[in-house]
Protein backbone atom coordinates (compact mmCIF):
# COMPACT_ATOMS: atom_id res chain seq x y z
CA MET A 1 17.04 -2.08 14.73
CA PRO A 2 15.98 -4.99 17.02
CA ASP A 3 15.16 -8.40 15.50
CA ARG A 4 11.62 -8.12 16.82
CA TYR A 5 9.84 -4.88 17.53
CA ALA A 6 6.52 -3.03 17.68
CA VAL A 7 5.65 0.03 15.65
CA TRP A 8 2.66 2.37 15.68
CA LEU A 9 1.29 2.66 12.16
CA ASP A 10 -0.03 5.78 10.44
CA ARG A 11 -3.40 4.44 9.32
CA ASP A 12 -6.91 5.88 9.01
CA VAL A 13 -9.81 3.50 9.63
CA LEU A 14 -13.34 3.31 8.23
CA ILE A 15 -16.21 0.97 9.08
CA ALA A 16 -18.81 0.06 6.45
CA SER A 17 -21.92 -1.59 7.88
CA GLY A 18 -25.43 -2.51 6.82
CA PRO A 19 -27.23 -5.31 4.98
CA GLU A 20 -25.99 -4.11 1.57
CA ALA A 21 -22.43 -3.28 2.61
CA ALA A 22 -20.84 -6.29 0.90
CA ASN A 23 -22.64 -5.72 -2.40
CA PHE A 24 -21.82 -2.01 -2.38
CA LEU A 25 -18.13 -2.52 -1.65
CA GLN A 26 -17.97 -5.28 -4.25
CA GLY A 27 -18.94 -2.67 -6.82
CA GLN A 28 -16.44 -0.08 -5.55
CA LEU A 29 -13.27 -2.05 -4.81
CA SER A 30 -10.97 -3.71 -7.34
CA GLN A 31 -10.59 -6.77 -5.10
CA ASP A 32 -13.10 -9.64 -4.97
CA LEU A 33 -14.71 -9.52 -1.54
CA GLN A 34 -16.44 -12.86 -2.02
CA GLY A 35 -13.11 -14.59 -1.47
CA ILE A 36 -12.51 -12.92 1.90
CA GLY A 37 -13.50 -15.04 4.89
CA GLN A 38 -14.57 -13.70 8.27
CA ARG A 39 -11.71 -11.81 9.95
CA GLN A 40 -9.60 -12.21 6.81
CA SER A 41 -8.30 -9.29 4.77
CA ALA A 42 -7.02 -8.33 1.32
CA TRP A 43 -5.49 -5.30 -0.38
CA SER A 44 -7.53 -3.35 -2.91
CA PHE A 45 -7.71 -0.13 -4.87
CA VAL A 46 -10.61 2.31 -4.74
CA LEU A 47 -10.67 3.95 -8.16
CA SER A 48 -12.26 6.95 -9.80
CA PRO A 49 -14.63 6.33 -12.72
CA GLN A 50 -11.66 7.17 -14.98
CA GLY A 51 -9.59 4.37 -13.42
CA LYS A 52 -7.21 6.60 -11.43
CA ILE A 53 -6.34 5.69 -7.84
CA ASP A 54 -8.44 7.32 -5.12
CA ALA A 55 -7.03 5.08 -2.38
CA LEU A 56 -5.09 1.93 -1.62
CA VAL A 57 -6.93 0.12 1.18
CA ARG A 58 -6.75 -3.05 3.20
CA VAL A 59 -10.27 -4.43 3.55
CA THR A 60 -11.13 -6.79 6.42
CA ARG A 61 -14.35 -8.72 6.85
CA LEU A 62 -15.77 -8.43 10.36
CA PRO A 63 -18.57 -10.49 11.94
CA GLY A 64 -22.07 -9.72 10.71
CA ASP A 65 -22.45 -7.18 7.93
CA ASP A 66 -19.46 -5.03 8.89
CA TRP A 67 -16.30 -4.34 6.89
CA LEU A 68 -13.19 -2.51 8.05
CA LEU A 69 -11.11 -0.46 5.62
CA ASP A 70 -7.74 0.94 6.67
CA THR A 71 -5.70 3.28 4.51
CA ASP A 72 -2.79 5.72 4.70
CA GLN A 73 -3.06 8.42 7.35
CA GLY A 74 -4.64 11.63 6.13
CA LEU A 75 -6.79 9.90 3.53
CA GLY A 76 -9.64 8.66 5.72
CA ASP A 77 -12.00 11.61 5.35
CA ALA A 78 -11.52 11.80 1.58
CA LEU A 79 -12.10 8.06 1.27
CA ALA A 80 -15.31 8.25 3.32
CA GLN A 81 -16.55 11.10 1.13
CA ARG A 82 -15.64 9.21 -2.03
CA LEU A 83 -17.55 6.07 -0.96
CA ASN A 84 -20.56 7.97 0.39
CA ARG A 85 -20.82 9.88 -2.87
CA PHE A 86 -21.46 6.62 -4.74
CA LYS A 87 -23.80 4.82 -2.35
CA LEU A 88 -27.04 6.49 -3.54
CA ARG A 89 -29.94 4.61 -1.89
CA THR A 90 -27.87 1.62 -0.78
CA LYS A 91 -28.48 0.42 2.79
CA ILE A 92 -24.97 1.02 4.09
CA ASP A 93 -23.33 3.31 6.63
CA ILE A 94 -19.73 4.39 6.03
CA GLU A 95 -18.03 6.07 8.95
CA ARG A 96 -14.51 7.22 9.73
CA VAL A 97 -13.60 5.98 13.23
CA PRO A 98 -10.76 7.27 15.46
CA TRP A 99 -9.07 3.89 15.80
CA ARG A 100 -5.35 3.15 15.95
CA SER A 101 -3.08 0.48 14.57
CA PHE A 102 0.26 -1.01 15.50
CA GLY A 103 2.34 -3.83 14.09
CA LEU A 104 4.52 -6.52 15.62
CA ARG A 105 7.51 -7.41 13.46
CA GLY A 106 10.25 -10.02 13.46
CA ASP A 107 10.91 -13.72 13.79
CA GLY A 108 8.35 -15.37 15.99
CA ALA A 109 6.22 -12.25 16.22
CA GLY A 110 3.17 -14.46 16.62
CA VAL A 111 -0.25 -13.14 17.51
CA PRO A 112 -0.39 -12.38 21.25
CA PRO A 113 -3.73 -11.36 22.73
CA VAL A 114 -4.28 -7.59 22.51
CA GLU A 115 -7.24 -6.11 24.35
CA GLY A 116 -9.32 -3.81 22.17
CA ALA A 117 -8.11 -5.27 18.86
CA VAL A 118 -11.06 -5.56 16.46
CA ALA A 119 -8.91 -6.81 13.58
CA VAL A 120 -5.64 -8.74 13.43
CA VAL A 121 -4.34 -8.76 9.87
CA PRO A 122 -1.15 -9.70 8.00
CA ALA A 123 1.45 -6.99 7.61
CA TRP A 124 2.78 -5.86 4.24
CA PRO A 125 3.59 -8.73 1.83
CA GLY A 126 6.83 -10.48 2.67
CA ILE A 127 7.02 -8.95 6.15
CA ASP A 128 7.09 -11.34 9.11
CA GLY A 129 4.46 -9.91 11.43
CA VAL A 130 0.88 -8.81 12.00
CA ASP A 131 -1.03 -5.55 12.43
CA PHE A 132 -3.64 -4.85 15.10
CA ILE A 133 -6.48 -2.38 14.57
CA GLY A 134 -8.94 -1.18 17.20
CA PRO A 135 -10.32 1.72 19.25
CA ASP A 136 -8.14 1.39 22.36
CA LEU A 137 -4.90 -0.51 21.85
CA SER A 138 -1.73 -0.94 23.86
CA VAL A 139 1.47 -2.73 22.83
CA PRO A 140 2.01 -6.01 24.73
CA GLU A 141 4.75 -6.07 27.34
CA GLY A 142 8.18 -7.19 26.21
CA TRP A 143 8.16 -5.43 22.84
CA ASN A 144 10.53 -2.60 21.93
CA VAL A 145 8.58 0.21 20.26
CA ILE A 146 10.34 2.00 17.40
CA GLU A 147 9.39 5.14 15.49
CA GLY A 148 7.37 4.71 12.32
CA SER A 149 10.15 6.34 10.28
CA GLU A 150 12.48 3.51 11.35
CA ASP A 151 10.04 1.01 9.82
CA GLU A 152 9.95 2.76 6.44
CA ALA A 153 12.54 0.37 4.99
CA ALA A 154 10.18 -2.55 5.65
CA ARG A 155 7.46 -0.92 3.55
CA ILE A 156 9.89 -0.15 0.75
CA LEU A 157 11.39 -3.65 0.74
CA SER A 158 7.88 -5.14 0.61
CA GLY A 159 7.17 -3.06 -2.51
CA MET A 160 4.06 -1.42 -1.07
CA PRO A 161 3.40 2.09 -2.42
CA ARG A 162 2.01 4.87 -0.23
CA MET A 163 -0.50 7.58 -1.06
CA GLY A 164 1.24 10.91 -1.31
CA ALA A 165 4.56 9.28 -2.20
CA GLU A 166 4.14 6.67 -4.94
CA LEU A 167 0.41 7.13 -5.46
CA ASP A 168 -1.85 10.10 -6.19
CA ASP A 169 -5.05 10.80 -8.09
CA LYS A 170 -3.17 10.70 -11.40
CA THR A 171 -1.69 7.21 -10.88
CA ILE A 172 -3.21 4.20 -12.62
CA PRO A 173 -3.03 0.70 -11.11
CA GLY A 174 -0.93 -0.76 -13.94
CA GLU A 175 1.98 1.52 -13.02
CA THR A 176 2.19 0.38 -9.40
CA GLY A 177 3.37 -3.20 -9.80
CA ILE A 178 0.85 -4.48 -7.24
CA VAL A 179 -2.09 -5.31 -9.54
CA PRO A 180 -1.77 -9.07 -8.76
CA LEU A 181 -2.18 -8.21 -5.07
CA THR A 182 -5.07 -5.77 -5.40
CA VAL A 183 -7.16 -6.54 -8.49
CA SER A 184 -9.51 -9.38 -9.40
CA PHE A 185 -10.03 -10.02 -13.10
CA THR A 186 -12.82 -12.56 -12.52
CA LYS A 187 -15.29 -10.54 -10.39
CA GLY A 188 -18.13 -8.45 -11.73
CA CYS A 189 -18.03 -4.78 -12.61
CA TYR A 190 -16.61 -2.14 -10.28
CA THR A 191 -15.95 1.58 -10.58
CA GLY A 192 -12.86 2.25 -12.70
CA GLN A 193 -12.67 -1.29 -14.07
CA GLU A 194 -12.57 -0.30 -17.76
CA LEU A 195 -9.07 1.23 -17.68
CA VAL A 196 -7.65 -1.60 -15.57
CA ALA A 197 -9.01 -4.21 -17.98
CA ARG A 198 -7.82 -2.29 -21.05
CA VAL A 199 -4.25 -2.00 -19.76
CA ASP A 200 -4.23 -5.70 -18.85
CA SER A 201 -5.50 -6.69 -22.30
CA ARG A 202 -2.58 -4.78 -23.81
CA GLY A 203 -0.05 -6.73 -21.78
CA GLY A 204 0.25 -4.20 -19.01
CA ASN A 205 1.99 -1.71 -21.30
CA VAL A 206 2.21 1.57 -19.34
CA PRO A 207 4.48 4.64 -19.62
CA ARG A 208 6.24 3.98 -16.29
CA ARG A 209 6.53 1.33 -13.59
CA LEU A 210 7.27 1.31 -9.90
CA ARG A 211 10.58 -0.36 -8.99
CA LEU A 212 12.62 -1.32 -5.95
CA MET A 213 16.00 0.41 -5.81
CA ARG A 214 19.20 -0.05 -3.80
CA LEU A 215 21.73 2.74 -3.23
CA PRO A 216 25.09 3.10 -1.45
CA ALA A 217 24.17 6.62 -0.31
CA PRO A 218 20.90 8.48 0.35
CA VAL A 219 19.09 10.73 -2.08
CA VAL A 220 15.97 12.77 -1.44
CA PRO A 221 12.54 11.83 -2.81
CA GLY A 222 12.00 13.66 -6.07
CA THR A 223 15.56 13.03 -7.29
CA GLU A 224 15.59 12.35 -11.01
CA LEU A 225 17.19 9.20 -12.40
CA MET A 226 19.32 9.21 -15.52
CA LEU A 227 20.56 6.56 -17.92
CA GLU A 228 24.31 5.90 -17.76
CA GLY A 229 24.60 7.17 -21.31
CA GLY A 230 22.44 10.21 -20.62
CA GLY A 231 18.72 10.81 -20.79
CA ALA A 232 15.93 10.94 -18.22
CA ALA A 233 14.94 7.51 -16.88
CA GLY A 234 12.70 8.03 -13.86
CA ILE A 235 12.31 9.47 -10.38
CA VAL A 236 12.81 8.40 -6.75
CA THR A 237 9.70 8.58 -4.56
CA SER A 238 10.68 7.11 -1.14
CA VAL A 239 14.06 6.45 0.54
CA ALA A 240 15.09 4.76 3.80
CA ALA A 241 18.17 3.31 5.44
CA ASP A 242 18.37 -0.45 4.96
CA PRO A 243 18.97 -2.23 8.30
CA SER A 244 21.27 -4.67 6.47
CA GLY A 245 23.36 -1.80 5.05
CA GLY A 246 23.09 0.89 2.43
CA TRP A 247 19.81 2.50 1.40
CA VAL A 248 16.64 1.30 -0.28
CA ALA A 249 14.12 3.24 -2.32
CA LEU A 250 10.98 3.05 -4.39
CA GLY A 251 10.70 4.97 -7.62
CA TYR A 252 9.31 4.99 -11.11
CA THR A 253 11.28 4.16 -14.24
CA LYS A 254 10.20 4.97 -17.75
CA ARG A 255 9.08 2.36 -20.23
CA GLY A 256 12.08 0.76 -21.93
CA VAL A 257 14.43 1.01 -18.93
CA GLU A 258 16.02 -2.43 -18.46
CA VAL A 259 15.40 -4.19 -15.16
CA PRO A 260 17.53 -5.30 -13.43
CA GLY A 261 19.90 -2.52 -14.30
CA THR A 262 21.76 0.54 -13.04
CA LEU A 263 20.71 4.18 -13.23
CA LEU A 264 22.37 7.34 -11.98
CA ALA A 265 21.15 9.84 -9.40
CA THR A 266 22.93 13.15 -8.81
CA THR A 267 23.16 14.65 -5.32
CA ASP A 268 24.84 17.82 -4.10
CA ALA A 269 27.86 15.75 -3.12
CA ALA A 270 28.23 13.11 -5.81
CA GLN A 271 26.70 10.90 -8.45
CA VAL A 272 25.11 7.75 -7.00
CA ASP A 273 24.70 4.41 -8.74
CA VAL A 274 21.14 3.14 -8.33
CA ALA A 275 20.52 -0.60 -8.73
CA VAL A 276 16.99 -1.09 -10.06
CA GLU A 277 15.00 -4.28 -9.40
CA GLU A 278 11.52 -5.63 -9.96
CA LEU A 279 9.15 -5.26 -7.02
CA PRO A 280 8.98 -8.35 -4.79
CA VAL A 281 5.16 -8.30 -4.69
């Protein structure tokens, strides 16, 4: 993989606009929007009333009363329906827009001018680069474009979960390891807050936690993890080749599994040692 590269990102984009957009979103997102300056962004959960994850979004404040929300591809329509279902008589329009996104990665990626970019936002935590979002984008000259699958290791190494892999409508925020990145405990009420607050008040004690994993050989998502002495310990959810060698993965481990530590994964060919670490987020 080149030291610096461009990659098209699989993101769905929504625009929320109207004089009451900020107040509405403040009551729907786990993040505190009041701390987001113009053209700045933050990560947030959109939760069900029961506190389960409906979506992981990056919310960006645009000029005027507009807000941009980008989320994992394939989730945009469901997210728009979820938000519209709660808006009642609020003066806000929430629309899915057919925009695209690409990222520039690597040392000295910088922020070159990109025509058509409505938002320029930081990439995943710990990743050197930026993402561009807009209706009609083209990658600047001089950048090698790689396939999105080749960039999967960057997401895994950053510790960012993805809907459909690490996250679904049964996942609670406390399991994901990214609550410090996505949740404000000082803002007012928002949908799903009760479960988040209750888990936090109990020291974040949850049945499982998302972890970063390193492997000498690949396994497939869904592979079960076992303790060295026997007994189920967790499951692998995403795997990618590490550009620096070996393989990296995200996966859940059960409560009580020591971290850092080593678990075992069984493939058709062999048994693989899996080094388990805390997320870097």
